[in-house]
Amino acid sequence: MSIFLPSREISARSWFALLLLVLICQAAKAQENEAAFLYSSQVKFDRRGVPLVTIGMAEGLERIELSASSQLYLHFLEDAGGRAGVRKHLVVPPGKVVNLSIVSASAARVGFWCGVSRLPYGQKEMLDQTVARWREREGSVQVFETGGVMGLEGLLIDNRTLVVAVRRQESEAGAEHEAEEIFRATGTKTFVHQHLEKPPSGVIRIAEEGDAFSFLAVDLVTAEARQSGRVKITLTGGRELELAGEVIVAFDRSGKLVLINRIDVERMLEGLVPAEIPPSVSLEALKAQAVVARGQVFAKLGARHFLDPYLLCASVHCQVYAGAQAENPRASEAVRATRGELLFLGGQLVDTVYSASCGGHTEDNDAVWSDLASPALRGRLDGPEEFFAQAAQRFKDLRGWLADPPPAWCQQGPLGKSGVFRWRRDIPAEDMDRLVAQVKPLGRVVALQPLERGASGRIKLLRVIGTEGELVVQRELPIRKLLGNLRSALFVVDIEYDEKQMPAVFHILGAGWGHGVGMCQAGAAAMAAAGRDYRAILGHYYGGAEVRRVYGE
């Protein structure tokens, strides 16, 4: 910052006042930059060159309690009644509890758009053609850039894509309605894209237990326990957890408090891997899980949670991260053994998605999501060498394949549980009518017609026919949710009729648990138990992709 002073002499008191003003402005700017940074796709790095990520642990909170077994350091910009405040640094004694609560807040302003296309970044001609086509039909078109670029020891990781969108709406429900109308009119697979137009803001009260002190903080508070390395948190309702790294308390899109953990990727994985796969499986399966979980982190950075002050969430939507208290010695060993390793194919980072059980056949990524097709994520039969001869022929008859499958990897091993590899669900007609009516009332449901299936047999488009209309549902997850949260969209339906020839019960025979794209966790555990190492497991599930260490040599 440059400051120009008049030529006349200035008193010592004036100099001090001016210096104080400069420090206040710098502190306010730093706080503003920190709040804005939480919404960017950029990441910071620790001193070892390991990326730091922000994870949303819990939101919609009215109150949060923080403490540590060592000194707890708090940093915030003090509210000064509308004027620029002073940057504060507090040291809280070990064991003392600090309460954070809302004084005032304003929610975010959000726009919801109908996404009609995802395009590779940098393909100008393709983008121009797509925009021109939709502009001719819709009049107004918006292009959003998602993802980001990261340099790691000379390697450039670029996961940017472009979203072409139309028809901005004030609500997600409104955008979903418009997207459905576009799909019916054009056959284009649509999706909802969220855009943050104005972030939330507010004031947080910081008070030590017993009101030994009280401060008002603007927008956010950060906390860290430098000696013990863990911050203890108690949330509204009594839920407790421990987090390593830095803890941030800010405002979510609704104007409530959100708890965020900023932590290096490797330490994060130590609390993630044992939450995603049982740490009792073979070490090679744990290593495979560590690599694919790390790949998921890098592939998702900047590509989701556009409305939130964090890059990833702690739930299954991103990956389940349970914090420091979930760490397990065997899982941590697998993380350390694969430190900095990611999967690449043709020089491109592989989006290493995975699911619990593929049911004997993995799925194409673009059949499940509105993503660009990845050569590393093509659906394939999943089993040992002797499996393929009988499986390839039998798979042509999907109903027979489901009823009498040959032994796949995910049917074997420690995670090959009954009720997962193959499962049944009987839905009485009245329950089916109620489930469908939550999306669109159709009267009595009389038929479920798969219109399109993916490589694994998972349903991509489902027509639901009722006595008072019909509904077409896109993508496997909405299909599963529509029918009462089925384990997967790989299923066939038989209808039992009553004496009036109306459906009485819908009998569903299905396979697998999850979307089926990428690594099958049950299959990976079986492969490891059969003596395959983690590199062979990853090569099997990701189309010959290769492991490469990008940091941590």
Protein backbone atom coordinates (compact mmCIF):
# COMPACT_ATOMS: atom_id res chain seq x y z
CA MET A 1 0.00 0.00 0.00
CA SER A 2 1.39 3.45 -0.97
CA ILE A 3 0.66 6.49 1.22
CA PHE A 4 1.25 10.09 0.08
CA LEU A 5 1.80 12.64 2.85
CA PRO A 6 1.70 16.44 2.68
CA SER A 7 5.06 18.23 2.88
CA ARG A 8 4.35 20.04 6.16
CA GLU A 9 5.47 18.48 9.42
CA ILE A 10 3.13 16.03 11.11
CA SER A 11 2.96 15.61 14.87
CA ALA A 12 3.88 12.31 16.52
CA ARG A 13 0.24 11.85 17.52
CA SER A 14 -0.85 12.32 13.88
CA TRP A 15 1.75 9.84 12.73
CA PHE A 16 0.45 7.31 15.24
CA ALA A 17 -3.15 7.87 14.16
CA LEU A 18 -2.18 7.46 10.52
CA LEU A 19 -0.26 4.27 11.24
CA LEU A 20 -3.25 2.91 13.17
CA LEU A 21 -5.53 3.72 10.23
CA VAL A 22 -3.20 1.88 7.84
CA LEU A 23 -3.11 -1.19 10.11
CA ILE A 24 -6.90 -1.18 10.43
CA CYS A 25 -7.32 -0.96 6.64
CA GLN A 26 -4.82 -3.76 6.11
CA ALA A 27 -6.59 -5.95 8.67
CA ALA A 28 -9.98 -5.31 7.09
CA LYS A 29 -8.58 -6.10 3.66
CA ALA A 30 -7.00 -9.33 4.95
CA GLN A 31 -10.32 -10.41 6.48
CA GLU A 32 -12.16 -9.56 3.27
CA ASN A 33 -9.63 -11.52 1.24
CA GLU A 34 -9.87 -14.52 3.57
CA ALA A 35 -13.67 -14.60 3.31
CA ALA A 36 -13.50 -14.30 -0.49
CA PHE A 37 -10.81 -17.00 -0.66
CA LEU A 38 -13.16 -19.50 0.96
CA TYR A 39 -15.40 -19.21 -2.11
CA SER A 40 -12.62 -19.51 -4.68
CA SER A 41 -11.32 -22.68 -6.34
CA GLN A 42 -7.77 -21.87 -5.24
CA VAL A 43 -5.94 -23.85 -2.58
CA LYS A 44 -3.13 -23.02 -0.20
CA PHE A 45 -0.11 -25.23 0.45
CA ASP A 46 1.73 -26.09 3.64
CA ARG A 47 5.50 -25.72 4.01
CA ARG A 48 6.05 -29.22 2.59
CA GLY A 49 4.16 -28.40 -0.60
CA VAL A 50 1.09 -30.47 0.33
CA PRO A 51 -2.22 -28.85 -0.71
CA LEU A 52 -4.58 -27.62 2.01
CA VAL A 53 -8.29 -28.20 1.44
CA THR A 54 -11.40 -26.81 3.14
CA ILE A 55 -14.08 -29.28 4.23
CA GLY A 56 -17.59 -28.38 5.36
CA MET A 57 -18.15 -30.46 8.50
CA ALA A 58 -21.59 -29.19 9.59
CA GLU A 59 -23.86 -26.27 8.75
CA GLY A 60 -27.19 -24.73 9.71
CA LEU A 61 -25.85 -24.22 13.24
CA GLU A 62 -26.87 -21.62 15.82
CA ARG A 63 -23.99 -22.24 18.22
CA ILE A 64 -20.57 -23.92 18.28
CA GLU A 65 -18.27 -24.65 21.24
CA LEU A 66 -14.48 -24.87 20.81
CA SER A 67 -11.76 -26.05 23.19
CA ALA A 68 -8.38 -27.79 23.16
CA SER A 69 -6.13 -29.71 25.55
CA SER A 70 -3.42 -27.13 24.77
CA GLN A 71 -3.68 -23.41 24.15
CA LEU A 72 -6.33 -22.50 21.58
CA TYR A 73 -5.49 -19.61 19.23
CA LEU A 74 -8.36 -17.56 17.79
CA HIS A 75 -8.06 -15.03 14.96
CA PHE A 76 -10.78 -12.66 13.74
CA LEU A 77 -11.60 -9.12 12.67
CA GLU A 78 -13.37 -7.32 15.51
CA ASP A 79 -16.66 -5.67 14.62
CA ALA A 80 -16.50 -1.91 15.08
CA GLY A 81 -20.11 -0.91 14.46
CA GLY A 82 -19.85 -0.45 10.72
CA ARG A 83 -16.31 0.98 10.79
CA ALA A 84 -13.12 -0.90 9.90
CA GLY A 85 -12.25 -3.14 12.83
CA VAL A 86 -8.98 -4.36 14.31
CA ARG A 87 -7.52 -7.81 13.67
CA LYS A 88 -7.59 -9.72 16.97
CA HIS A 89 -5.53 -12.68 18.13
CA LEU A 90 -6.68 -14.44 21.31
CA VAL A 91 -4.99 -17.21 23.28
CA VAL A 92 -7.44 -19.37 25.22
CA PRO A 93 -6.02 -21.48 28.10
CA PRO A 94 -6.11 -25.30 27.83
CA GLY A 95 -9.48 -26.83 28.61
CA LYS A 96 -11.38 -23.53 28.50
CA VAL A 97 -14.52 -23.57 26.32
CA VAL A 98 -15.25 -20.78 23.84
CA ASN A 99 -18.83 -20.27 22.64
CA LEU A 100 -19.51 -18.92 19.16
CA SER A 101 -23.03 -17.73 18.34
CA ILE A 102 -24.83 -15.55 15.79
CA VAL A 103 -25.40 -11.86 16.51
CA SER A 104 -26.68 -10.88 13.05
CA ALA A 105 -26.52 -12.40 9.57
CA SER A 106 -27.72 -12.02 6.00
CA ALA A 107 -28.21 -15.00 3.69
CA ALA A 108 -26.53 -15.45 0.33
CA ARG A 109 -28.15 -14.45 -2.94
CA VAL A 110 -28.23 -17.43 -5.31
CA GLY A 111 -29.18 -17.94 -8.93
CA PHE A 112 -30.30 -21.35 -10.21
CA TRP A 113 -29.75 -22.16 -13.88
CA CYS A 114 -30.78 -24.96 -16.25
CA GLY A 115 -27.54 -26.58 -17.36
CA VAL A 116 -27.73 -27.88 -20.92
CA SER A 117 -24.12 -28.80 -21.70
CA ARG A 118 -20.70 -29.44 -20.13
CA LEU A 119 -17.72 -28.78 -22.38
CA PRO A 120 -13.94 -29.22 -22.08
CA TYR A 121 -12.14 -26.03 -21.15
CA GLY A 122 -10.34 -24.35 -24.04
CA GLN A 123 -12.50 -25.78 -26.86
CA LYS A 124 -13.53 -22.38 -28.25
CA GLU A 125 -15.09 -23.61 -31.49
CA MET A 126 -17.20 -26.20 -29.68
CA LEU A 127 -18.24 -23.60 -27.11
CA ASP A 128 -19.18 -21.03 -29.76
CA GLN A 129 -21.31 -23.56 -31.64
CA THR A 130 -23.08 -24.71 -28.47
CA VAL A 131 -23.78 -21.17 -27.29
CA ALA A 132 -25.04 -20.12 -30.73
CA ARG A 133 -27.40 -23.09 -30.89
CA TRP A 134 -28.92 -22.41 -27.50
CA ARG A 135 -29.01 -18.65 -27.98
CA GLU A 136 -31.10 -19.17 -31.11
CA ARG A 137 -33.55 -21.28 -29.10
CA GLU A 138 -33.53 -19.48 -25.74
CA GLY A 139 -32.34 -15.95 -26.48
CA SER A 140 -30.12 -15.66 -23.39
CA VAL A 141 -27.25 -18.01 -22.53
CA GLN A 142 -24.77 -17.96 -19.64
CA VAL A 143 -21.41 -19.79 -19.53
CA PHE A 144 -19.86 -20.72 -16.16
CA GLU A 145 -16.34 -22.00 -15.55
CA THR A 146 -15.95 -24.70 -12.89
CA GLY A 147 -12.86 -26.39 -11.49
CA GLY A 148 -9.39 -24.89 -11.41
CA VAL A 149 -5.70 -25.25 -12.21
CA MET A 150 -3.04 -26.43 -9.78
CA GLY A 151 0.71 -26.82 -10.16
CA LEU A 152 2.39 -29.63 -8.21
CA GLU A 153 6.16 -30.00 -8.55
CA GLY A 154 6.12 -29.14 -12.23
CA LEU A 155 2.91 -31.04 -12.99
CA LEU A 156 -0.17 -29.08 -14.06
CA ILE A 157 -3.52 -30.49 -12.87
CA ASP A 158 -6.40 -28.86 -14.73
CA ASN A 159 -9.96 -30.02 -13.99
CA ARG A 160 -11.73 -27.01 -15.52
CA THR A 161 -14.96 -27.47 -17.47
CA LEU A 162 -17.48 -25.03 -18.93
CA VAL A 163 -21.18 -25.17 -18.12
CA VAL A 164 -23.60 -23.76 -20.68
CA ALA A 165 -26.83 -22.72 -18.94
CA VAL A 166 -30.14 -20.99 -19.66
CA ARG A 167 -33.27 -19.75 -17.84
CA ARG A 168 -32.07 -18.39 -14.49
CA GLN A 169 -34.53 -19.10 -11.66
CA GLU A 170 -34.88 -17.93 -8.06
CA SER A 171 -35.23 -21.44 -6.64
CA GLU A 172 -33.80 -24.91 -7.24
CA ALA A 173 -37.32 -26.29 -7.69
CA GLY A 174 -37.98 -23.68 -10.36
CA ALA A 175 -34.78 -24.58 -12.20
CA GLU A 176 -35.62 -28.29 -12.00
CA HIS A 177 -39.04 -27.59 -13.50
CA GLU A 178 -37.53 -25.61 -16.38
CA ALA A 179 -34.83 -28.23 -16.93
CA GLU A 180 -37.50 -30.94 -17.16
CA GLU A 181 -39.40 -28.83 -19.71
CA ILE A 182 -36.26 -28.43 -21.85
CA PHE A 183 -35.61 -32.18 -21.66
CA ARG A 184 -39.15 -32.99 -22.79
CA ALA A 185 -38.96 -30.48 -25.66
CA THR A 186 -35.45 -31.23 -26.94
CA GLY A 187 -34.32 -34.58 -25.50
CA THR A 188 -31.24 -32.84 -24.07
CA LYS A 189 -30.03 -34.28 -20.76
CA THR A 190 -30.32 -31.35 -18.38
CA PHE A 191 -29.15 -30.52 -14.85
CA VAL A 192 -29.35 -27.67 -12.35
CA HIS A 193 -26.33 -25.36 -11.96
CA GLN A 194 -26.10 -23.14 -8.86
CA HIS A 195 -24.35 -19.78 -8.94
CA LEU A 196 -23.41 -17.63 -5.95
CA GLU A 197 -24.28 -14.01 -6.74
CA LYS A 198 -23.62 -12.54 -3.28
CA PRO A 199 -22.04 -14.38 -0.33
CA PRO A 200 -23.58 -14.39 3.15
CA SER A 201 -22.23 -12.10 5.86
CA GLY A 202 -22.74 -11.43 9.54
CA VAL A 203 -21.38 -10.93 13.02
CA ILE A 204 -20.33 -13.75 15.40
CA ARG A 205 -20.19 -13.39 19.17
CA ILE A 206 -17.13 -15.00 20.80
CA ALA A 207 -17.47 -15.60 24.53
CA GLU A 208 -15.38 -17.67 26.94
CA GLU A 209 -17.25 -19.93 29.30
CA GLY A 210 -18.38 -17.82 32.25
CA ASP A 211 -18.19 -14.65 30.12
CA ALA A 212 -14.55 -14.02 31.03
CA PHE A 213 -14.38 -12.15 27.73
CA SER A 214 -16.68 -11.35 24.85
CA PHE A 215 -15.92 -10.08 21.34
CA LEU A 216 -17.83 -9.54 18.11
CA ALA A 217 -16.22 -10.91 14.93
CA VAL A 218 -16.98 -9.99 11.32
CA ASP A 219 -17.91 -12.89 8.96
CA LEU A 220 -15.59 -15.59 10.29
CA VAL A 221 -13.38 -16.87 13.11
CA THR A 222 -10.38 -19.19 12.74
CA ALA A 223 -8.98 -21.43 15.48
CA GLU A 224 -6.03 -23.77 15.85
CA ALA A 225 -4.36 -25.78 18.63
CA ARG A 226 -0.68 -25.59 17.69
CA GLN A 227 0.67 -27.79 20.50
CA SER A 228 -1.91 -30.59 20.75
CA GLY A 229 -2.82 -30.39 17.06
CA ARG A 230 -6.53 -31.03 17.65
CA VAL A 231 -9.47 -28.74 18.29
CA LYS A 232 -12.43 -30.21 20.17
CA ILE A 233 -15.85 -29.12 18.91
CA THR A 234 -19.34 -29.47 20.36
CA LEU A 235 -22.18 -28.66 17.99
CA THR A 236 -25.82 -27.80 18.54
CA GLY A 237 -27.51 -30.97 19.80
CA GLY A 238 -24.41 -32.27 21.58
CA ARG A 239 -22.54 -33.84 18.66
CA GLU A 240 -18.79 -33.87 19.36
CA LEU A 241 -15.79 -34.24 17.08
CA GLU A 242 -12.07 -33.49 16.95
CA LEU A 243 -10.36 -31.82 14.02
CA ALA A 244 -6.69 -31.49 13.17
CA GLY A 245 -5.41 -28.50 11.22
CA GLU A 246 -7.30 -25.21 11.26
CA VAL A 247 -10.96 -24.76 12.23
CA ILE A 248 -12.99 -22.00 10.60
CA VAL A 249 -16.44 -20.85 11.68
CA ALA A 250 -18.25 -18.77 9.06
CA PHE A 251 -21.76 -18.29 7.64
CA ASP A 252 -23.49 -20.73 5.31
CA ARG A 253 -25.79 -19.75 2.45
CA SER A 254 -28.81 -19.53 4.78
CA GLY A 255 -27.09 -17.21 7.25
CA LYS A 256 -26.45 -19.90 9.89
CA LEU A 257 -23.04 -20.98 11.17
CA VAL A 258 -20.95 -23.48 9.25
CA LEU A 259 -18.00 -25.45 10.66
CA ILE A 260 -15.06 -25.79 8.25
CA ASN A 261 -11.83 -27.75 8.57
CA ARG A 262 -8.78 -26.53 6.62
CA ILE A 263 -6.28 -29.37 6.60
CA ASP A 264 -3.58 -30.84 4.39
CA VAL A 265 -4.79 -33.55 2.01
CA GLU A 266 -2.66 -36.34 3.52
CA ARG A 267 -3.88 -35.78 7.08
CA MET A 268 -7.44 -35.49 5.78
CA LEU A 269 -7.11 -38.92 4.14
CA GLU A 270 -6.17 -40.48 7.48
CA GLY A 271 -9.64 -39.55 8.75
CA LEU A 272 -11.35 -40.37 5.44
CA VAL A 273 -10.05 -43.78 4.35
CA PRO A 274 -11.28 -45.67 7.46
CA ALA A 275 -14.67 -43.93 7.12
CA GLU A 276 -15.04 -45.12 3.51
CA ILE A 277 -13.81 -48.73 3.75
CA PRO A 278 -13.39 -51.08 6.73
CA PRO A 279 -9.75 -50.77 7.89
CA SER A 280 -9.75 -54.54 8.51
CA VAL A 281 -9.46 -55.32 4.77
CA SER A 282 -6.08 -56.22 3.24
CA LEU A 283 -3.46 -53.47 3.22
CA GLU A 284 -3.35 -53.46 -0.59
CA ALA A 285 -7.07 -52.68 -0.69
CA LEU A 286 -6.50 -49.85 1.79
CA LYS A 287 -3.72 -48.50 -0.43
CA ALA A 288 -6.02 -48.61 -3.45
CA GLN A 289 -8.66 -46.75 -1.42
CA ALA A 290 -6.11 -44.12 -0.36
CA VAL A 291 -5.10 -43.43 -3.98
CA VAL A 292 -8.66 -43.18 -5.30
CA ALA A 293 -9.77 -41.04 -2.35
CA ARG A 294 -6.85 -38.68 -2.99
CA GLY A 295 -7.80 -38.55 -6.67
CA GLN A 296 -11.37 -37.69 -5.75
CA VAL A 297 -10.15 -34.73 -3.70
CA PHE A 298 -8.14 -33.28 -6.58
CA ALA A 299 -10.82 -33.98 -9.20
CA LYS A 300 -13.53 -32.27 -7.14
CA LEU A 301 -11.63 -29.12 -6.16
CA GLY A 302 -13.60 -26.16 -7.49
CA ALA A 303 -16.06 -28.45 -9.29
CA ARG A 304 -18.84 -28.49 -6.69
CA HIS A 305 -20.18 -26.62 -3.66
CA PHE A 306 -20.37 -23.39 -5.64
CA LEU A 307 -22.58 -21.82 -2.95
CA ASP A 308 -20.48 -22.79 0.06
CA PRO A 309 -17.37 -21.37 1.78
CA TYR A 310 -15.56 -24.69 1.38
CA LEU A 311 -14.33 -26.90 -1.46
CA LEU A 312 -15.54 -30.28 -0.21
CA CYS A 313 -18.14 -31.61 2.21
CA ALA A 314 -17.67 -34.36 4.79
CA SER A 315 -20.56 -36.50 3.56
CA VAL A 316 -21.01 -39.14 0.86
CA HIS A 317 -21.73 -36.34 -1.67
CA CYS A 318 -17.95 -35.75 -1.78
CA GLN A 319 -16.45 -38.40 0.50
CA VAL A 320 -17.12 -39.29 4.11
CA TYR A 321 -14.55 -37.53 6.31
CA ALA A 322 -15.03 -38.26 10.00
CA GLY A 323 -12.27 -36.10 11.48
CA ALA A 324 -9.22 -36.91 13.58
CA GLN A 325 -11.11 -39.20 15.96
CA ALA A 326 -11.72 -41.69 13.10
CA GLU A 327 -8.03 -42.22 12.31
CA ASN A 328 -6.87 -45.85 12.29
CA PRO A 329 -3.24 -47.14 12.30
CA ARG A 330 -3.69 -49.50 9.31
CA ALA A 331 -5.49 -46.90 7.22
CA SER A 332 -2.87 -44.28 8.13
CA GLU A 333 -0.14 -46.71 7.06
CA ALA A 334 -1.83 -47.07 3.66
CA VAL A 335 -2.08 -43.29 3.28
CA ARG A 336 1.59 -42.80 4.12
CA ALA A 337 2.67 -45.65 1.81
CA THR A 338 0.92 -43.97 -1.15
CA ARG A 339 1.72 -40.38 -0.21
CA GLY A 340 1.12 -37.99 -3.10
CA GLU A 341 0.05 -40.74 -5.53
CA LEU A 342 -2.68 -40.13 -8.13
CA LEU A 343 -3.92 -41.97 -11.22
CA PHE A 344 -3.22 -40.64 -14.72
CA LEU A 345 -4.20 -41.82 -18.18
CA GLY A 346 -2.70 -40.15 -21.24
CA GLY A 347 -1.26 -37.39 -19.05
CA GLN A 348 -4.69 -36.52 -17.64
CA LEU A 349 -5.72 -36.86 -14.01
CA VAL A 350 -8.35 -39.59 -13.61
CA ASP A 351 -11.46 -38.72 -11.63
CA THR A 352 -11.19 -41.81 -9.43
CA VAL A 353 -14.80 -42.26 -8.41
CA TYR A 354 -15.75 -45.49 -6.66
CA SER A 355 -18.75 -47.29 -5.20
CA ALA A 356 -19.45 -49.97 -2.61
CA SER A 357 -20.38 -52.80 -5.00
CA CYS A 358 -20.71 -52.78 -8.79
CA GLY A 359 -22.82 -55.96 -8.81
CA GLY A 360 -20.50 -57.66 -11.29
CA HIS A 361 -20.27 -54.94 -13.94
CA THR A 362 -18.98 -51.36 -13.64
CA GLU A 363 -20.62 -48.40 -15.40
CA ASP A 364 -19.62 -45.57 -17.78
CA ASN A 365 -19.20 -42.26 -15.97
CA ASP A 366 -21.25 -40.27 -18.51
CA ALA A 367 -24.15 -42.71 -18.10
CA VAL A 368 -24.44 -41.68 -14.44
CA TRP A 369 -23.58 -37.96 -14.44
CA SER A 370 -23.72 -35.09 -16.91
CA ASP A 371 -19.93 -35.38 -17.28
CA LEU A 372 -17.65 -35.72 -20.27
CA ALA A 373 -16.94 -39.36 -21.11
CA SER A 374 -13.66 -40.57 -19.60
CA PRO A 375 -11.66 -43.39 -21.27
CA ALA A 376 -10.56 -44.51 -17.80
CA LEU A 377 -14.16 -44.87 -16.62
CA ARG A 378 -15.71 -47.30 -19.08
CA GLY A 379 -18.03 -50.01 -17.80
CA ARG A 380 -16.65 -53.53 -17.80
CA LEU A 381 -17.32 -56.99 -16.40
CA ASP A 382 -15.71 -57.41 -13.01
CA GLY A 383 -14.21 -60.73 -12.03
CA PRO A 384 -11.19 -63.04 -12.26
CA GLU A 385 -10.04 -64.38 -15.63
CA GLU A 386 -12.22 -67.50 -15.45
CA PHE A 387 -15.24 -65.29 -14.80
CA PHE A 388 -15.33 -63.65 -18.24
CA ALA A 389 -16.02 -66.66 -20.46
CA GLN A 390 -19.40 -67.44 -18.90
CA ALA A 391 -20.19 -63.88 -17.77
CA ALA A 392 -19.96 -62.20 -21.18
CA GLN A 393 -22.58 -64.49 -22.69
CA ARG A 394 -24.88 -64.53 -19.69
CA PHE A 395 -24.84 -60.73 -19.37
CA LYS A 396 -26.77 -60.49 -22.65
CA ASP A 397 -29.78 -61.72 -20.70
CA LEU A 398 -29.99 -59.13 -17.92
CA ARG A 399 -32.77 -60.83 -16.01
CA GLY A 400 -30.92 -64.17 -16.08
CA TRP A 401 -27.67 -62.42 -15.12
CA LEU A 402 -29.34 -60.90 -12.07
CA ALA A 403 -31.07 -64.12 -11.02
CA ASP A 404 -28.14 -66.49 -11.55
CA PRO A 405 -24.82 -64.62 -11.81
CA PRO A 406 -21.37 -66.17 -12.21
CA PRO A 407 -18.98 -65.34 -9.31
CA ALA A 408 -17.73 -61.75 -9.65
CA TRP A 409 -15.04 -60.14 -7.53
CA CYS A 410 -17.62 -58.25 -5.45
CA GLN A 411 -19.43 -61.49 -4.62
CA GLN A 412 -16.25 -62.80 -3.03
CA GLY A 413 -13.93 -61.55 -0.31
CA PRO A 414 -14.59 -59.81 3.01
CA LEU A 415 -17.11 -57.27 1.65
CA GLY A 416 -19.14 -59.65 -0.52
CA LYS A 417 -22.22 -59.42 1.67
CA SER A 418 -25.59 -60.92 0.89
CA GLY A 419 -28.15 -58.27 0.19
CA VAL A 420 -25.54 -56.11 -1.53
CA PHE A 421 -24.24 -58.08 -4.52
CA ARG A 422 -27.85 -59.13 -5.23
CA TRP A 423 -30.92 -57.74 -3.48
CA ARG A 424 -34.72 -57.68 -3.68
CA ARG A 425 -37.25 -55.01 -2.83
CA ASP A 426 -41.03 -55.50 -2.81
CA ILE A 427 -42.98 -52.24 -3.03
CA PRO A 428 -46.76 -52.44 -2.48
CA ALA A 429 -48.76 -50.49 -5.06
CA GLU A 430 -49.99 -47.91 -2.54
CA ASP A 431 -46.39 -47.21 -1.48
CA MET A 432 -45.32 -46.87 -5.11
CA ASP A 433 -48.13 -44.39 -5.76
CA ARG A 434 -47.05 -42.35 -2.72
CA LEU A 435 -43.36 -42.34 -3.69
CA VAL A 436 -44.03 -41.19 -7.24
CA ALA A 437 -46.55 -38.56 -6.10
CA GLN A 438 -43.77 -36.83 -4.15
CA VAL A 439 -42.25 -35.93 -7.53
CA LYS A 440 -45.39 -35.79 -9.66
CA PRO A 441 -48.91 -37.11 -8.94
CA LEU A 442 -49.81 -39.75 -11.55
CA GLY A 443 -52.77 -41.42 -9.91
CA ARG A 444 -52.21 -45.18 -9.76
CA VAL A 445 -48.79 -46.25 -11.06
CA VAL A 446 -49.29 -49.03 -13.61
CA ALA A 447 -45.85 -49.49 -15.20
CA LEU A 448 -42.12 -48.76 -14.86
CA GLN A 449 -40.46 -48.74 -18.30
CA PRO A 450 -36.65 -48.47 -18.65
CA LEU A 451 -36.04 -46.32 -21.74
CA GLU A 452 -32.25 -46.44 -21.68
CA ARG A 453 -29.65 -48.48 -19.81
CA GLY A 454 -25.92 -48.00 -19.40
CA ALA A 455 -23.12 -50.48 -20.04
CA SER A 456 -23.76 -52.25 -16.73
CA GLY A 457 -27.53 -52.43 -17.19
CA ARG A 458 -28.15 -49.52 -14.83
CA ILE A 459 -31.17 -47.49 -15.88
CA LYS A 460 -30.39 -44.04 -17.30
CA LEU A 461 -33.94 -43.06 -18.28
CA LEU A 462 -37.07 -44.42 -16.62
CA ARG A 463 -40.66 -43.80 -17.70
CA VAL A 464 -43.27 -44.07 -14.97
CA ILE A 465 -46.80 -44.54 -16.32
CA GLY A 466 -49.83 -43.77 -14.20
CA THR A 467 -53.58 -43.64 -14.68
CA GLU A 468 -53.39 -39.82 -14.76
CA GLY A 469 -50.19 -39.16 -16.68
CA GLU A 470 -46.55 -40.16 -16.94
CA LEU A 471 -43.11 -39.04 -15.81
CA VAL A 472 -39.64 -39.55 -17.31
CA VAL A 473 -36.77 -39.51 -14.79
CA GLN A 474 -33.17 -38.81 -15.84
CA ARG A 475 -30.02 -40.32 -14.29
CA GLU A 476 -29.52 -43.20 -11.92
CA LEU A 477 -29.52 -41.38 -8.56
CA PRO A 478 -32.89 -39.61 -9.08
CA ILE A 479 -34.29 -42.97 -10.24
CA ARG A 480 -33.07 -44.67 -7.08
CA LYS A 481 -34.47 -41.90 -4.89
CA LEU A 482 -37.81 -41.93 -6.68
CA LEU A 483 -38.29 -45.62 -5.82
CA GLY A 484 -37.50 -45.29 -2.14
CA ASN A 485 -33.68 -45.08 -2.18
CA LEU A 486 -32.85 -48.32 -3.96
CA ARG A 487 -29.30 -49.61 -3.53
CA SER A 488 -28.60 -49.11 -7.25
CA ALA A 489 -30.31 -48.48 -10.60
CA LEU A 490 -29.26 -51.92 -11.86
CA PHE A 491 -32.58 -53.72 -11.54
CA VAL A 492 -35.54 -55.33 -13.31
CA VAL A 493 -39.19 -55.12 -12.26
CA ASP A 494 -41.94 -57.74 -12.15
CA ILE A 495 -45.50 -56.68 -11.29
CA GLU A 496 -47.92 -58.79 -9.30
CA TYR A 497 -51.51 -57.90 -10.23
CA ASP A 498 -54.72 -58.00 -8.20
CA GLU A 499 -58.09 -59.39 -9.30
CA LYS A 500 -58.86 -56.13 -11.14
CA GLN A 501 -55.63 -56.46 -13.13
CA MET A 502 -54.14 -53.45 -11.36
CA PRO A 503 -50.67 -53.59 -9.80
CA ALA A 504 -50.67 -54.97 -6.27
CA VAL A 505 -46.90 -55.30 -5.68
CA PHE A 506 -43.81 -54.21 -7.64
CA HIS A 507 -41.11 -56.90 -7.24
CA ILE A 508 -37.63 -55.43 -7.87
CA LEU A 509 -34.54 -57.63 -8.37
CA GLY A 510 -31.33 -55.62 -8.30
CA ALA A 511 -27.54 -55.78 -8.06
CA GLY A 512 -24.82 -53.77 -6.41
CA TRP A 513 -24.75 -50.76 -4.13
CA GLY A 514 -24.03 -47.34 -5.60
CA HIS A 515 -23.45 -45.90 -9.06
CA GLY A 516 -20.98 -48.60 -10.11
CA VAL A 517 -18.46 -46.26 -11.76
CA GLY A 518 -14.73 -46.78 -11.16
CA MET A 519 -13.40 -48.95 -8.36
CA CYS A 520 -15.75 -51.46 -6.76
CA GLN A 521 -14.74 -51.48 -3.09
CA ALA A 522 -16.04 -55.01 -2.50
CA GLY A 523 -14.20 -56.16 -5.62
CA ALA A 524 -10.99 -54.39 -4.60
CA ALA A 525 -11.08 -56.08 -1.19
CA ALA A 526 -11.54 -59.48 -2.89
CA MET A 527 -8.72 -58.81 -5.37
CA ALA A 528 -6.38 -57.85 -2.53
CA ALA A 529 -7.34 -60.97 -0.57
CA ALA A 530 -6.51 -63.00 -3.72
CA GLY A 531 -2.99 -61.54 -3.82
CA ARG A 532 -3.31 -58.58 -6.23
CA ASP A 533 -1.41 -55.45 -5.23
CA TYR A 534 -2.97 -52.00 -5.22
CA ARG A 535 -1.50 -50.98 -8.58
CA ALA A 536 -3.03 -54.03 -10.27
CA ILE A 537 -6.37 -53.28 -8.60
CA LEU A 538 -6.34 -49.68 -9.83
CA GLY A 539 -5.29 -50.66 -13.35
CA HIS A 540 -8.19 -53.11 -13.48
CA TYR A 541 -10.86 -50.60 -12.49
CA TYR A 542 -9.55 -47.53 -14.29
CA GLY A 543 -8.89 -48.71 -17.83
CA GLY A 544 -5.14 -49.22 -17.56
CA ALA A 545 -4.42 -45.90 -15.83
CA GLU A 546 -1.06 -45.63 -14.08
CA VAL A 547 -0.08 -44.49 -10.60
CA ARG A 548 2.11 -41.40 -10.43
CA ARG A 549 3.50 -39.64 -7.36
CA VAL A 550 3.06 -35.89 -7.72
CA TYR A 551 4.51 -34.80 -4.38
CA GLY A 552 6.17 -36.31 -1.33
CA GLU A 553 9.26 -37.89 -2.89
